[in-house]
N, C-alpha and C. Protein backbone atom coordinates (compact mmCIF):
# COMPACT_ATOMS: atom_id res chain seq x y z
N UNK A 1 0.82 -1.20 0.00
CA UNK A 1 0.00 0.00 0.00
C UNK A 1 0.86 1.26 0.00
N UNK A 2 1.98 1.19 0.77
CA UNK A 2 2.87 2.36 0.81
C UNK A 2 3.44 2.65 -0.56
N UNK A 3 3.81 1.58 -1.28
CA UNK A 3 4.36 1.77 -2.62
C UNK A 3 3.33 2.40 -3.55
N UNK A 4 2.08 1.92 -3.48
CA UNK A 4 1.03 2.47 -4.32
C UNK A 4 0.80 3.95 -4.00
N UNK A 5 0.90 4.29 -2.72
CA UNK A 5 0.71 5.70 -2.32
C UNK A 5 1.80 6.57 -2.90
N UNK A 6 3.03 6.06 -2.90
CA UNK A 6 4.16 6.82 -3.46
C UNK A 6 3.96 7.02 -4.96
N UNK A 7 3.51 5.96 -5.64
CA UNK A 7 3.29 6.06 -7.09
C UNK A 7 2.23 7.10 -7.39
N UNK A 8 1.13 7.07 -6.61
CA UNK A 8 0.06 8.04 -6.83
C UNK A 8 0.55 9.46 -6.59
N UNK A 9 1.37 9.64 -5.55
CA UNK A 9 1.92 10.98 -5.28
C UNK A 9 2.81 11.43 -6.43
N UNK A 10 3.60 10.48 -6.97
CA UNK A 10 4.47 10.83 -8.09
C UNK A 10 3.67 11.24 -9.31
N UNK A 11 2.59 10.50 -9.61
CA UNK A 11 1.76 10.86 -10.75
C UNK A 11 1.09 12.20 -10.55
N UNK A 12 0.66 12.45 -9.31
CA UNK A 12 0.05 13.74 -9.02
C UNK A 12 1.04 14.88 -9.21
N UNK A 13 2.27 14.67 -8.76
CA UNK A 13 3.30 15.70 -8.93
C UNK A 13 3.59 15.94 -10.39
N UNK A 14 3.63 14.84 -11.17
CA UNK A 14 3.88 14.97 -12.60
C UNK A 14 2.76 15.78 -13.26
N UNK A 15 1.52 15.49 -12.85
CA UNK A 15 0.40 16.24 -13.40
C UNK A 15 0.49 17.71 -13.06
N UNK A 16 0.94 18.02 -11.85
CA UNK A 16 1.11 19.42 -11.46
C UNK A 16 2.16 20.10 -12.33
N UNK A 17 3.26 19.37 -12.62
CA UNK A 17 4.31 19.94 -13.46
C UNK A 17 3.78 20.23 -14.86
N UNK A 18 2.96 19.31 -15.35
CA UNK A 18 2.41 19.51 -16.69
C UNK A 18 1.57 20.78 -16.73
N UNK A 19 0.74 20.95 -15.69
CA UNK A 19 -0.17 22.08 -15.69
C UNK A 19 0.54 23.39 -15.37
N UNK A 20 1.46 23.37 -14.37
CA UNK A 20 2.00 24.63 -13.85
C UNK A 20 3.46 24.84 -14.15
N UNK A 21 4.17 23.81 -14.56
CA UNK A 21 5.62 23.93 -14.61
C UNK A 21 6.16 24.53 -15.86
N UNK A 22 5.36 24.73 -16.88
CA UNK A 22 5.92 25.22 -18.14
C UNK A 22 5.17 26.46 -18.62
N UNK A 23 4.56 27.16 -17.70
CA UNK A 23 3.77 28.30 -18.10
C UNK A 23 4.53 29.35 -18.86
N UNK A 24 5.81 29.51 -18.52
CA UNK A 24 6.62 30.55 -19.17
C UNK A 24 7.63 29.99 -20.14
N UNK A 25 7.63 28.65 -20.34
CA UNK A 25 8.66 28.05 -21.19
C UNK A 25 8.60 28.59 -22.61
N UNK A 26 7.38 28.73 -23.13
CA UNK A 26 7.26 29.19 -24.50
C UNK A 26 7.60 30.66 -24.67
N UNK A 27 7.79 31.38 -23.57
CA UNK A 27 8.06 32.81 -23.66
C UNK A 27 9.55 33.12 -23.79
N UNK A 28 10.41 32.11 -23.69
CA UNK A 28 11.84 32.35 -23.80
C UNK A 28 12.18 32.92 -25.18
N UNK A 29 13.16 33.82 -25.18
CA UNK A 29 13.64 34.34 -26.46
C UNK A 29 14.63 33.35 -27.06
N UNK A 30 14.45 33.03 -28.30
CA UNK A 30 15.38 32.13 -29.00
C UNK A 30 16.08 32.95 -30.06
N UNK A 31 17.31 33.29 -29.81
CA UNK A 31 18.08 34.11 -30.74
C UNK A 31 18.75 33.21 -31.78
N UNK A 32 18.89 33.74 -32.99
CA UNK A 32 19.57 32.98 -34.04
C UNK A 32 21.01 32.66 -33.64
N UNK A 33 21.65 33.61 -32.96
CA UNK A 33 23.02 33.39 -32.48
C UNK A 33 23.03 33.69 -30.99
N UNK A 34 22.97 32.67 -30.13
CA UNK A 34 22.80 32.88 -28.70
C UNK A 34 24.10 33.15 -27.94
N UNK A 35 25.24 33.01 -28.59
CA UNK A 35 26.52 33.15 -27.90
C UNK A 35 26.83 34.62 -27.60
N UNK A 36 27.53 34.85 -26.50
CA UNK A 36 27.92 36.22 -26.14
C UNK A 36 28.96 36.77 -27.12
N UNK A 37 29.85 35.90 -27.59
CA UNK A 37 30.87 36.34 -28.54
C UNK A 37 30.25 36.50 -29.93
N UNK A 38 30.69 37.51 -30.68
CA UNK A 38 30.11 37.74 -32.01
C UNK A 38 30.34 36.54 -32.93
N UNK A 39 29.39 36.34 -33.84
CA UNK A 39 29.53 35.28 -34.82
C UNK A 39 30.56 35.68 -35.87
N UNK A 40 31.53 34.81 -36.08
CA UNK A 40 32.54 35.02 -37.12
C UNK A 40 32.92 33.66 -37.67
N UNK A 41 32.76 33.49 -38.97
CA UNK A 41 33.02 32.19 -39.58
C UNK A 41 34.50 31.82 -39.55
N UNK A 42 35.37 32.83 -39.64
CA UNK A 42 36.82 32.58 -39.69
C UNK A 42 37.53 33.55 -38.76
N UNK A 43 38.69 33.12 -38.29
CA UNK A 43 39.52 33.98 -37.46
C UNK A 43 40.29 34.97 -38.35
N UNK A 44 40.44 36.18 -37.86
CA UNK A 44 41.24 37.20 -38.56
C UNK A 44 42.68 37.06 -38.10
N UNK A 45 43.61 36.74 -39.00
CA UNK A 45 45.00 36.48 -38.58
C UNK A 45 45.60 37.60 -37.74
N UNK A 46 45.42 38.85 -38.15
CA UNK A 46 46.01 39.97 -37.42
C UNK A 46 45.42 40.11 -36.02
N UNK A 47 44.12 39.82 -35.90
CA UNK A 47 43.49 39.91 -34.58
C UNK A 47 44.01 38.83 -33.65
N UNK A 48 44.21 37.64 -34.18
CA UNK A 48 44.76 36.55 -33.37
C UNK A 48 46.21 36.83 -33.01
N UNK A 49 46.96 37.38 -33.96
CA UNK A 49 48.38 37.65 -33.76
C UNK A 49 48.58 38.80 -32.78
N UNK A 50 47.63 39.71 -32.76
CA UNK A 50 47.75 40.86 -31.88
C UNK A 50 48.36 42.07 -32.54
N UNK A 51 48.34 42.11 -33.86
CA UNK A 51 48.91 43.23 -34.60
C UNK A 51 49.29 42.78 -36.00
N UNK A 52 50.01 43.62 -36.74
CA UNK A 52 50.42 43.25 -38.10
C UNK A 52 51.31 42.01 -38.09
N UNK A 53 51.12 41.15 -39.06
CA UNK A 53 51.96 39.95 -39.18
C UNK A 53 53.36 40.34 -39.65
N UNK A 54 54.37 39.55 -39.28
CA UNK A 54 55.73 39.87 -39.72
C UNK A 54 55.95 39.66 -41.21
N UNK A 55 55.00 39.02 -41.85
CA UNK A 55 55.09 38.79 -43.29
C UNK A 55 53.88 38.02 -43.76
N UNK A 56 53.76 37.80 -45.07
CA UNK A 56 52.62 37.04 -45.60
C UNK A 56 52.61 35.62 -45.03
N UNK A 57 51.41 35.09 -44.84
CA UNK A 57 51.32 33.71 -44.36
C UNK A 57 51.75 32.76 -45.47
N UNK A 58 52.71 31.90 -45.19
CA UNK A 58 53.17 30.96 -46.23
C UNK A 58 52.16 29.85 -46.47
N UNK A 59 52.21 29.29 -47.66
CA UNK A 59 51.37 28.15 -48.01
C UNK A 59 52.11 26.84 -47.69
N UNK A 60 51.37 25.77 -47.79
CA UNK A 60 52.00 24.45 -47.73
C UNK A 60 52.43 23.99 -46.36
N UNK A 61 51.74 24.40 -45.30
CA UNK A 61 52.16 23.97 -43.97
C UNK A 61 52.03 22.47 -43.79
N UNK A 62 51.10 21.86 -44.52
CA UNK A 62 50.94 20.40 -44.41
C UNK A 62 52.11 19.64 -45.04
N UNK A 63 52.84 20.32 -45.94
CA UNK A 63 53.96 19.65 -46.60
C UNK A 63 55.18 19.49 -45.69
N UNK A 64 55.21 20.25 -44.62
CA UNK A 64 56.29 20.16 -43.63
C UNK A 64 55.83 19.20 -42.54
N UNK A 65 56.42 18.01 -42.52
CA UNK A 65 55.97 16.96 -41.61
C UNK A 65 56.02 17.36 -40.15
N UNK A 66 57.09 18.04 -39.73
CA UNK A 66 57.21 18.44 -38.33
C UNK A 66 56.19 19.51 -37.97
N UNK A 67 55.98 20.45 -38.89
CA UNK A 67 54.98 21.49 -38.65
C UNK A 67 53.59 20.85 -38.57
N UNK A 68 53.29 19.97 -39.50
CA UNK A 68 51.98 19.34 -39.52
C UNK A 68 51.71 18.57 -38.22
N UNK A 69 52.70 17.79 -37.77
CA UNK A 69 52.53 17.02 -36.55
C UNK A 69 52.31 17.93 -35.34
N UNK A 70 53.08 19.01 -35.27
CA UNK A 70 52.96 19.92 -34.14
C UNK A 70 51.60 20.63 -34.15
N UNK A 71 51.16 21.08 -35.33
CA UNK A 71 49.87 21.75 -35.45
C UNK A 71 48.73 20.82 -35.07
N UNK A 72 48.77 19.59 -35.56
CA UNK A 72 47.71 18.63 -35.26
C UNK A 72 47.62 18.39 -33.76
N UNK A 73 48.77 18.30 -33.11
CA UNK A 73 48.78 18.07 -31.66
C UNK A 73 48.23 19.28 -30.91
N UNK A 74 48.73 20.46 -31.26
CA UNK A 74 48.33 21.66 -30.53
C UNK A 74 46.85 21.99 -30.73
N UNK A 75 46.32 21.71 -31.92
CA UNK A 75 44.93 22.04 -32.22
C UNK A 75 43.95 20.99 -31.71
N UNK A 76 44.43 19.81 -31.38
CA UNK A 76 43.55 18.74 -30.93
C UNK A 76 42.76 19.18 -29.70
N UNK A 77 41.42 19.11 -29.74
CA UNK A 77 40.62 19.54 -28.59
C UNK A 77 40.94 18.78 -27.31
N UNK A 78 41.50 17.58 -27.42
CA UNK A 78 41.82 16.81 -26.23
C UNK A 78 43.06 17.33 -25.50
N UNK A 79 43.86 18.16 -26.20
CA UNK A 79 45.09 18.67 -25.60
C UNK A 79 44.90 20.11 -25.14
N UNK A 80 45.13 20.40 -23.86
CA UNK A 80 44.95 21.76 -23.35
C UNK A 80 46.00 22.71 -23.93
N UNK A 81 45.75 24.01 -23.84
CA UNK A 81 46.71 24.98 -24.41
C UNK A 81 48.12 24.84 -23.85
N UNK A 82 48.24 24.47 -22.57
CA UNK A 82 49.57 24.35 -21.97
C UNK A 82 50.40 23.28 -22.67
N UNK A 83 49.78 22.16 -23.03
CA UNK A 83 50.51 21.11 -23.74
C UNK A 83 50.87 21.56 -25.15
N UNK A 84 49.91 22.22 -25.82
CA UNK A 84 50.21 22.73 -27.15
C UNK A 84 51.33 23.75 -27.13
N UNK A 85 51.34 24.61 -26.11
CA UNK A 85 52.40 25.62 -25.99
C UNK A 85 53.76 24.97 -25.81
N UNK A 86 53.81 23.92 -25.00
CA UNK A 86 55.10 23.23 -24.80
C UNK A 86 55.57 22.57 -26.09
N UNK A 87 54.63 22.01 -26.84
CA UNK A 87 55.02 21.37 -28.11
C UNK A 87 55.54 22.41 -29.10
N UNK A 88 54.91 23.57 -29.16
CA UNK A 88 55.39 24.63 -30.05
C UNK A 88 56.78 25.11 -29.63
N UNK A 89 56.97 25.31 -28.32
CA UNK A 89 58.27 25.77 -27.83
C UNK A 89 59.36 24.74 -28.12
N UNK A 90 59.03 23.45 -27.96
CA UNK A 90 60.01 22.40 -28.25
C UNK A 90 60.34 22.38 -29.74
N UNK A 91 59.34 22.56 -30.58
CA UNK A 91 59.56 22.62 -32.03
C UNK A 91 60.46 23.81 -32.37
N UNK A 92 60.14 24.96 -31.80
CA UNK A 92 60.92 26.16 -32.11
C UNK A 92 62.35 26.04 -31.60
N UNK A 93 62.56 25.32 -30.50
CA UNK A 93 63.90 25.20 -29.93
C UNK A 93 64.88 24.51 -30.84
N UNK A 94 64.39 23.70 -31.77
CA UNK A 94 65.30 23.00 -32.67
C UNK A 94 65.45 23.67 -34.02
N UNK A 95 64.89 24.85 -34.19
CA UNK A 95 64.94 25.52 -35.48
C UNK A 95 66.18 26.39 -35.61
N UNK A 96 66.74 26.40 -36.80
CA UNK A 96 67.87 27.29 -37.11
C UNK A 96 67.54 28.03 -38.40
N UNK A 97 67.90 27.45 -39.54
CA UNK A 97 67.60 28.09 -40.83
C UNK A 97 66.09 28.06 -41.09
N UNK A 98 65.59 29.13 -41.67
CA UNK A 98 64.18 29.22 -42.01
C UNK A 98 63.26 29.27 -40.81
N UNK A 99 63.77 29.80 -39.71
CA UNK A 99 63.01 29.82 -38.46
C UNK A 99 61.67 30.55 -38.62
N UNK A 100 61.72 31.78 -39.15
CA UNK A 100 60.49 32.56 -39.26
C UNK A 100 59.50 31.88 -40.21
N UNK A 101 59.99 31.40 -41.33
CA UNK A 101 59.11 30.77 -42.31
C UNK A 101 58.40 29.57 -41.70
N UNK A 102 59.11 28.74 -40.97
CA UNK A 102 58.49 27.53 -40.42
C UNK A 102 57.55 27.86 -39.27
N UNK A 103 57.89 28.86 -38.48
CA UNK A 103 56.97 29.26 -37.41
C UNK A 103 55.70 29.90 -37.98
N UNK A 104 55.85 30.66 -39.05
CA UNK A 104 54.67 31.24 -39.67
C UNK A 104 53.84 30.17 -40.38
N UNK A 105 54.50 29.12 -40.85
CA UNK A 105 53.74 27.98 -41.39
C UNK A 105 52.92 27.35 -40.27
N UNK A 106 53.53 27.25 -39.10
CA UNK A 106 52.81 26.70 -37.95
C UNK A 106 51.59 27.58 -37.62
N UNK A 107 51.78 28.88 -37.66
CA UNK A 107 50.67 29.79 -37.37
C UNK A 107 49.56 29.64 -38.41
N UNK A 108 49.96 29.54 -39.68
CA UNK A 108 48.97 29.35 -40.74
C UNK A 108 48.20 28.05 -40.54
N UNK A 109 48.92 27.02 -40.12
CA UNK A 109 48.27 25.74 -39.86
C UNK A 109 47.28 25.81 -38.71
N UNK A 110 47.68 26.51 -37.64
CA UNK A 110 46.78 26.67 -36.50
C UNK A 110 45.52 27.42 -36.91
N UNK A 111 45.67 28.46 -37.70
CA UNK A 111 44.50 29.21 -38.16
C UNK A 111 43.55 28.31 -38.94
N UNK A 112 44.11 27.53 -39.84
CA UNK A 112 43.25 26.66 -40.66
C UNK A 112 42.54 25.61 -39.81
N UNK A 113 43.27 24.99 -38.89
CA UNK A 113 42.66 23.97 -38.05
C UNK A 113 41.58 24.57 -37.15
N UNK A 114 41.86 25.72 -36.57
CA UNK A 114 40.89 26.33 -35.66
C UNK A 114 39.69 26.91 -36.43
N UNK A 115 39.89 27.33 -37.67
CA UNK A 115 38.76 27.73 -38.50
C UNK A 115 37.82 26.54 -38.71
N UNK A 116 38.40 25.37 -38.96
CA UNK A 116 37.59 24.17 -39.16
C UNK A 116 36.82 23.81 -37.89
N UNK A 117 37.51 23.84 -36.74
CA UNK A 117 36.85 23.53 -35.48
C UNK A 117 35.74 24.53 -35.18
N UNK A 118 36.00 25.79 -35.46
CA UNK A 118 34.97 26.82 -35.23
C UNK A 118 33.76 26.56 -36.12
N UNK A 119 33.99 26.14 -37.35
CA UNK A 119 32.89 25.84 -38.25
C UNK A 119 32.00 24.73 -37.70
N UNK A 120 32.62 23.69 -37.12
CA UNK A 120 31.83 22.61 -36.51
C UNK A 120 30.96 23.15 -35.37
N UNK A 121 31.55 24.00 -34.53
CA UNK A 121 30.81 24.55 -33.39
C UNK A 121 29.66 25.44 -33.85
N UNK A 122 29.91 26.27 -34.84
CA UNK A 122 28.85 27.14 -35.36
C UNK A 122 27.71 26.29 -35.90
N UNK A 123 28.04 25.24 -36.65
CA UNK A 123 27.01 24.36 -37.16
C UNK A 123 26.21 23.71 -36.05
N UNK A 124 26.89 23.30 -34.97
CA UNK A 124 26.21 22.69 -33.85
C UNK A 124 25.27 23.66 -33.15
N UNK A 125 25.74 24.88 -32.94
CA UNK A 125 24.88 25.89 -32.30
C UNK A 125 23.64 26.14 -33.14
N UNK A 126 23.82 26.28 -34.45
CA UNK A 126 22.69 26.55 -35.33
C UNK A 126 21.71 25.38 -35.34
N UNK A 127 22.22 24.15 -35.29
CA UNK A 127 21.33 22.99 -35.26
C UNK A 127 20.47 22.98 -34.01
N UNK A 128 21.07 23.25 -32.86
CA UNK A 128 20.31 23.25 -31.61
C UNK A 128 19.31 24.40 -31.56
N UNK A 129 19.69 25.55 -32.09
CA UNK A 129 18.76 26.68 -32.13
C UNK A 129 17.57 26.34 -33.03
N UNK A 130 17.84 25.72 -34.17
CA UNK A 130 16.76 25.33 -35.07
C UNK A 130 15.83 24.32 -34.38
N UNK A 131 16.43 23.36 -33.67
CA UNK A 131 15.62 22.38 -32.95
C UNK A 131 14.73 23.07 -31.91
N UNK A 132 15.30 24.04 -31.21
CA UNK A 132 14.52 24.77 -30.21
C UNK A 132 13.37 25.53 -30.86
N UNK A 133 13.61 26.12 -32.02
CA UNK A 133 12.55 26.87 -32.71
C UNK A 133 11.43 25.95 -33.18
N UNK A 134 11.80 24.77 -33.66
CA UNK A 134 10.78 23.81 -34.09
C UNK A 134 9.93 23.37 -32.90
N UNK A 135 10.58 23.13 -31.78
CA UNK A 135 9.85 22.75 -30.57
C UNK A 135 8.98 23.90 -30.07
N UNK A 136 9.48 25.12 -30.21
CA UNK A 136 8.66 26.29 -29.84
C UNK A 136 7.38 26.32 -30.66
N UNK A 137 7.46 25.99 -31.94
CA UNK A 137 6.26 25.95 -32.78
C UNK A 137 5.28 24.92 -32.26
N UNK A 138 5.80 23.76 -31.81
CA UNK A 138 4.92 22.75 -31.23
C UNK A 138 4.24 23.24 -29.96
N UNK A 139 5.00 23.96 -29.14
CA UNK A 139 4.42 24.54 -27.91
C UNK A 139 3.31 25.51 -28.27
N UNK A 140 3.57 26.36 -29.27
CA UNK A 140 2.56 27.35 -29.66
C UNK A 140 1.30 26.66 -30.20
N UNK A 141 1.47 25.58 -30.96
CA UNK A 141 0.30 24.87 -31.48
C UNK A 141 -0.53 24.28 -30.34
N UNK A 142 0.15 23.70 -29.35
CA UNK A 142 -0.58 23.13 -28.22
C UNK A 142 -1.24 24.22 -27.37
N UNK A 143 -0.59 25.37 -27.26
CA UNK A 143 -1.20 26.49 -26.55
C UNK A 143 -2.49 26.92 -27.25
N UNK A 144 -2.43 27.00 -28.58
CA UNK A 144 -3.61 27.40 -29.34
C UNK A 144 -4.73 26.36 -29.20
N UNK A 145 -4.35 25.08 -29.24
CA UNK A 145 -5.35 24.03 -29.10
C UNK A 145 -5.98 24.07 -27.71
N UNK A 146 -5.18 24.33 -26.70
CA UNK A 146 -5.72 24.44 -25.34
C UNK A 146 -6.69 25.60 -25.23
N UNK A 147 -6.33 26.72 -25.81
CA UNK A 147 -7.19 27.90 -25.74
C UNK A 147 -8.51 27.69 -26.45
N UNK A 148 -8.51 26.79 -27.45
CA UNK A 148 -9.73 26.57 -28.23
C UNK A 148 -10.69 25.60 -27.56
N UNK A 149 -10.23 24.88 -26.54
CA UNK A 149 -11.10 23.92 -25.86
C UNK A 149 -12.14 24.66 -25.00
N UNK A 150 -13.37 24.16 -24.98
CA UNK A 150 -14.38 24.77 -24.11
C UNK A 150 -14.03 24.54 -22.65
N UNK A 151 -14.32 25.48 -21.77
CA UNK A 151 -13.96 25.32 -20.35
C UNK A 151 -14.68 24.16 -19.68
N UNK A 152 -15.87 23.85 -20.09
CA UNK A 152 -16.64 22.75 -19.50
C UNK A 152 -17.11 21.84 -20.62
N UNK A 153 -16.28 20.85 -20.92
CA UNK A 153 -16.63 19.97 -22.04
C UNK A 153 -16.75 18.52 -21.69
N UNK A 154 -16.74 18.20 -20.42
CA UNK A 154 -16.88 16.82 -20.03
C UNK A 154 -15.57 16.06 -20.05
N UNK A 155 -15.67 14.75 -19.86
CA UNK A 155 -14.49 13.90 -19.72
C UNK A 155 -13.65 13.87 -20.99
N UNK A 156 -14.31 13.85 -22.15
CA UNK A 156 -13.56 13.77 -23.40
C UNK A 156 -12.70 15.02 -23.60
N UNK A 157 -13.26 16.17 -23.33
CA UNK A 157 -12.51 17.42 -23.48
C UNK A 157 -11.37 17.48 -22.47
N UNK A 158 -11.62 17.01 -21.25
CA UNK A 158 -10.56 17.01 -20.24
C UNK A 158 -9.42 16.09 -20.63
N UNK A 159 -9.76 14.99 -21.29
CA UNK A 159 -8.71 14.08 -21.77
C UNK A 159 -7.88 14.76 -22.86
N UNK A 160 -8.55 15.49 -23.75
CA UNK A 160 -7.82 16.24 -24.77
C UNK A 160 -6.93 17.30 -24.12
N UNK A 161 -7.49 17.98 -23.11
CA UNK A 161 -6.73 19.02 -22.43
C UNK A 161 -5.45 18.44 -21.83
N UNK A 162 -5.59 17.29 -21.18
CA UNK A 162 -4.41 16.66 -20.57
C UNK A 162 -3.39 16.26 -21.64
N UNK A 163 -3.90 15.80 -22.78
CA UNK A 163 -2.98 15.43 -23.86
C UNK A 163 -2.19 16.62 -24.38
N UNK A 164 -2.89 17.74 -24.56
CA UNK A 164 -2.20 18.95 -25.03
C UNK A 164 -1.21 19.46 -23.98
N UNK A 165 -1.61 19.39 -22.71
CA UNK A 165 -0.72 19.84 -21.64
C UNK A 165 0.54 18.98 -21.58
N UNK A 166 0.34 17.68 -21.73
CA UNK A 166 1.49 16.78 -21.66
C UNK A 166 2.43 17.00 -22.84
N UNK A 167 1.84 17.15 -24.03
CA UNK A 167 2.67 17.40 -25.22
C UNK A 167 3.44 18.71 -25.06
N UNK A 168 2.75 19.73 -24.54
CA UNK A 168 3.40 21.02 -24.33
C UNK A 168 4.54 20.90 -23.33
N UNK A 169 4.31 20.13 -22.27
CA UNK A 169 5.33 19.94 -21.24
C UNK A 169 6.60 19.32 -21.83
N UNK A 170 6.43 18.23 -22.60
CA UNK A 170 7.62 17.54 -23.13
C UNK A 170 8.31 18.36 -24.21
N UNK A 171 7.54 19.08 -25.02
CA UNK A 171 8.17 19.96 -26.00
C UNK A 171 8.99 21.05 -25.30
N UNK A 172 8.46 21.58 -24.19
CA UNK A 172 9.18 22.60 -23.44
C UNK A 172 10.46 22.04 -22.83
N UNK A 173 10.38 20.81 -22.32
CA UNK A 173 11.57 20.18 -21.76
C UNK A 173 12.64 19.99 -22.84
N UNK A 174 12.21 19.51 -23.99
CA UNK A 174 13.17 19.28 -25.09
C UNK A 174 13.72 20.60 -25.61
N UNK A 175 12.89 21.62 -25.65
CA UNK A 175 13.36 22.94 -26.07
C UNK A 175 14.44 23.46 -25.11
N UNK A 176 14.19 23.32 -23.82
CA UNK A 176 15.17 23.75 -22.83
C UNK A 176 16.48 22.98 -23.00
N UNK A 177 16.37 21.67 -23.24
CA UNK A 177 17.57 20.85 -23.44
C UNK A 177 18.36 21.35 -24.65
N UNK A 178 17.65 21.65 -25.74
CA UNK A 178 18.33 22.13 -26.95
C UNK A 178 19.04 23.46 -26.69
N UNK A 179 18.40 24.35 -25.96
CA UNK A 179 19.02 25.64 -25.65
C UNK A 179 20.22 25.48 -24.73
N UNK A 180 20.15 24.52 -23.80
CA UNK A 180 21.29 24.25 -22.93
C UNK A 180 22.46 23.70 -23.73
N UNK A 181 22.18 22.83 -24.69
CA UNK A 181 23.25 22.30 -25.55
C UNK A 181 23.89 23.42 -26.37
N UNK A 182 23.06 24.32 -26.87
CA UNK A 182 23.59 25.46 -27.63
C UNK A 182 24.48 26.33 -26.73
N UNK A 183 24.04 26.53 -25.48
CA UNK A 183 24.84 27.33 -24.55
C UNK A 183 26.18 26.67 -24.26
N UNK A 184 26.18 25.35 -24.12
CA UNK A 184 27.44 24.63 -23.90
C UNK A 184 28.39 24.83 -25.08
N UNK A 185 27.87 24.74 -26.29
CA UNK A 185 28.71 24.95 -27.47
C UNK A 185 29.19 26.39 -27.54
N UNK A 186 28.41 27.34 -27.03
CA UNK A 186 28.86 28.73 -26.98
C UNK A 186 30.10 28.85 -26.09
N UNK A 187 30.12 28.12 -24.98
CA UNK A 187 31.30 28.14 -24.11
C UNK A 187 32.52 27.56 -24.86
N UNK A 188 32.31 26.51 -25.60
CA UNK A 188 33.40 25.94 -26.37
C UNK A 188 33.86 26.88 -27.47
N UNK A 189 32.91 27.62 -28.05
CA UNK A 189 33.23 28.61 -29.09
C UNK A 189 34.16 29.68 -28.52
N UNK A 190 33.86 30.16 -27.31
CA UNK A 190 34.70 31.17 -26.67
C UNK A 190 36.06 30.59 -26.29
N UNK A 191 36.06 29.37 -25.78
CA UNK A 191 37.30 28.73 -25.36
C UNK A 191 38.22 28.50 -26.56
N UNK A 192 37.63 28.19 -27.71
CA UNK A 192 38.44 27.93 -28.90
C UNK A 192 39.28 29.15 -29.26
N UNK A 193 38.67 30.33 -29.22
CA UNK A 193 39.43 31.54 -29.54
C UNK A 193 40.50 31.82 -28.50
N UNK A 194 40.16 31.60 -27.24
CA UNK A 194 41.15 31.80 -26.17
C UNK A 194 42.35 30.87 -26.37
N UNK A 195 42.08 29.62 -26.69
CA UNK A 195 43.17 28.66 -26.89
C UNK A 195 44.03 29.05 -28.08
N UNK A 196 43.41 29.44 -29.18
CA UNK A 196 44.18 29.84 -30.37
C UNK A 196 45.06 31.04 -30.07
N UNK A 197 44.55 32.02 -29.34
CA UNK A 197 45.36 33.20 -29.02
C UNK A 197 46.55 32.82 -28.15
N UNK A 198 46.36 31.91 -27.22
CA UNK A 198 47.47 31.49 -26.36
C UNK A 198 48.54 30.78 -27.18
N UNK A 199 48.13 29.95 -28.10
CA UNK A 199 49.10 29.26 -28.95
C UNK A 199 49.80 30.24 -29.88
N UNK A 200 49.05 31.21 -30.42
CA UNK A 200 49.66 32.21 -31.29
C UNK A 200 50.67 33.06 -30.53
N UNK A 201 50.39 33.33 -29.27
CA UNK A 201 51.35 34.09 -28.46
C UNK A 201 52.67 33.36 -28.33
N UNK A 202 52.61 32.04 -28.22
CA UNK A 202 53.85 31.25 -28.11
C UNK A 202 54.61 31.30 -29.43
N UNK A 203 53.90 31.17 -30.55
CA UNK A 203 54.57 31.25 -31.85
C UNK A 203 55.23 32.61 -31.99
N UNK A 204 54.54 33.68 -31.66
CA UNK A 204 55.09 35.03 -31.80
C UNK A 204 56.32 35.21 -30.90
N UNK A 205 56.26 34.68 -29.70
CA UNK A 205 57.39 34.86 -28.76
C UNK A 205 58.61 34.08 -29.20
N UNK A 206 58.42 33.08 -30.04
CA UNK A 206 59.57 32.25 -30.48
C UNK A 206 60.22 32.77 -31.74
N UNK A 207 59.66 33.82 -32.36
CA UNK A 207 60.28 34.36 -33.57
C UNK A 207 61.61 35.02 -33.26
């Protein structure tokens, strides 16, 4: 009997959440670009470098095996900036002839890799925002259907009302989840630029 009582209390609580817990969910603003940092498809080399570049960015960074290996390691999301910085410093420590050219190749490689990573994040943010907007449309449809129901329509109408409320509740939950995922990717978007700037600072200091 105690177990049955707990189950009934749980169902009652769930019903309360359906009725009262999402009253303002559909009122959230869903921005096309929810991140605090401005949307930019590509990094600006001079902005990352912190001023004018010492020369044109060289091509062919992938053709230099040591540069390619170092760039791949430093740009890997699994490796923190401190590890990437140490790898760049170790690479620079063994350079003699063509020092500037090879370090600028490394910088060009970092820009390209981080542009690609940023593109993935932007796509992810946009996907979650789109999902949230689609769910918002579902919430609005259920709100309209609820408003159209007569206040006193008997058991059948009350069953419809509960169905619309439940659908609205789950759409609101999924919408919130999508917006939270977008927010998480926004943090990664900001971190990506911070990491790139730290790595670029090491390249610049080694020239």
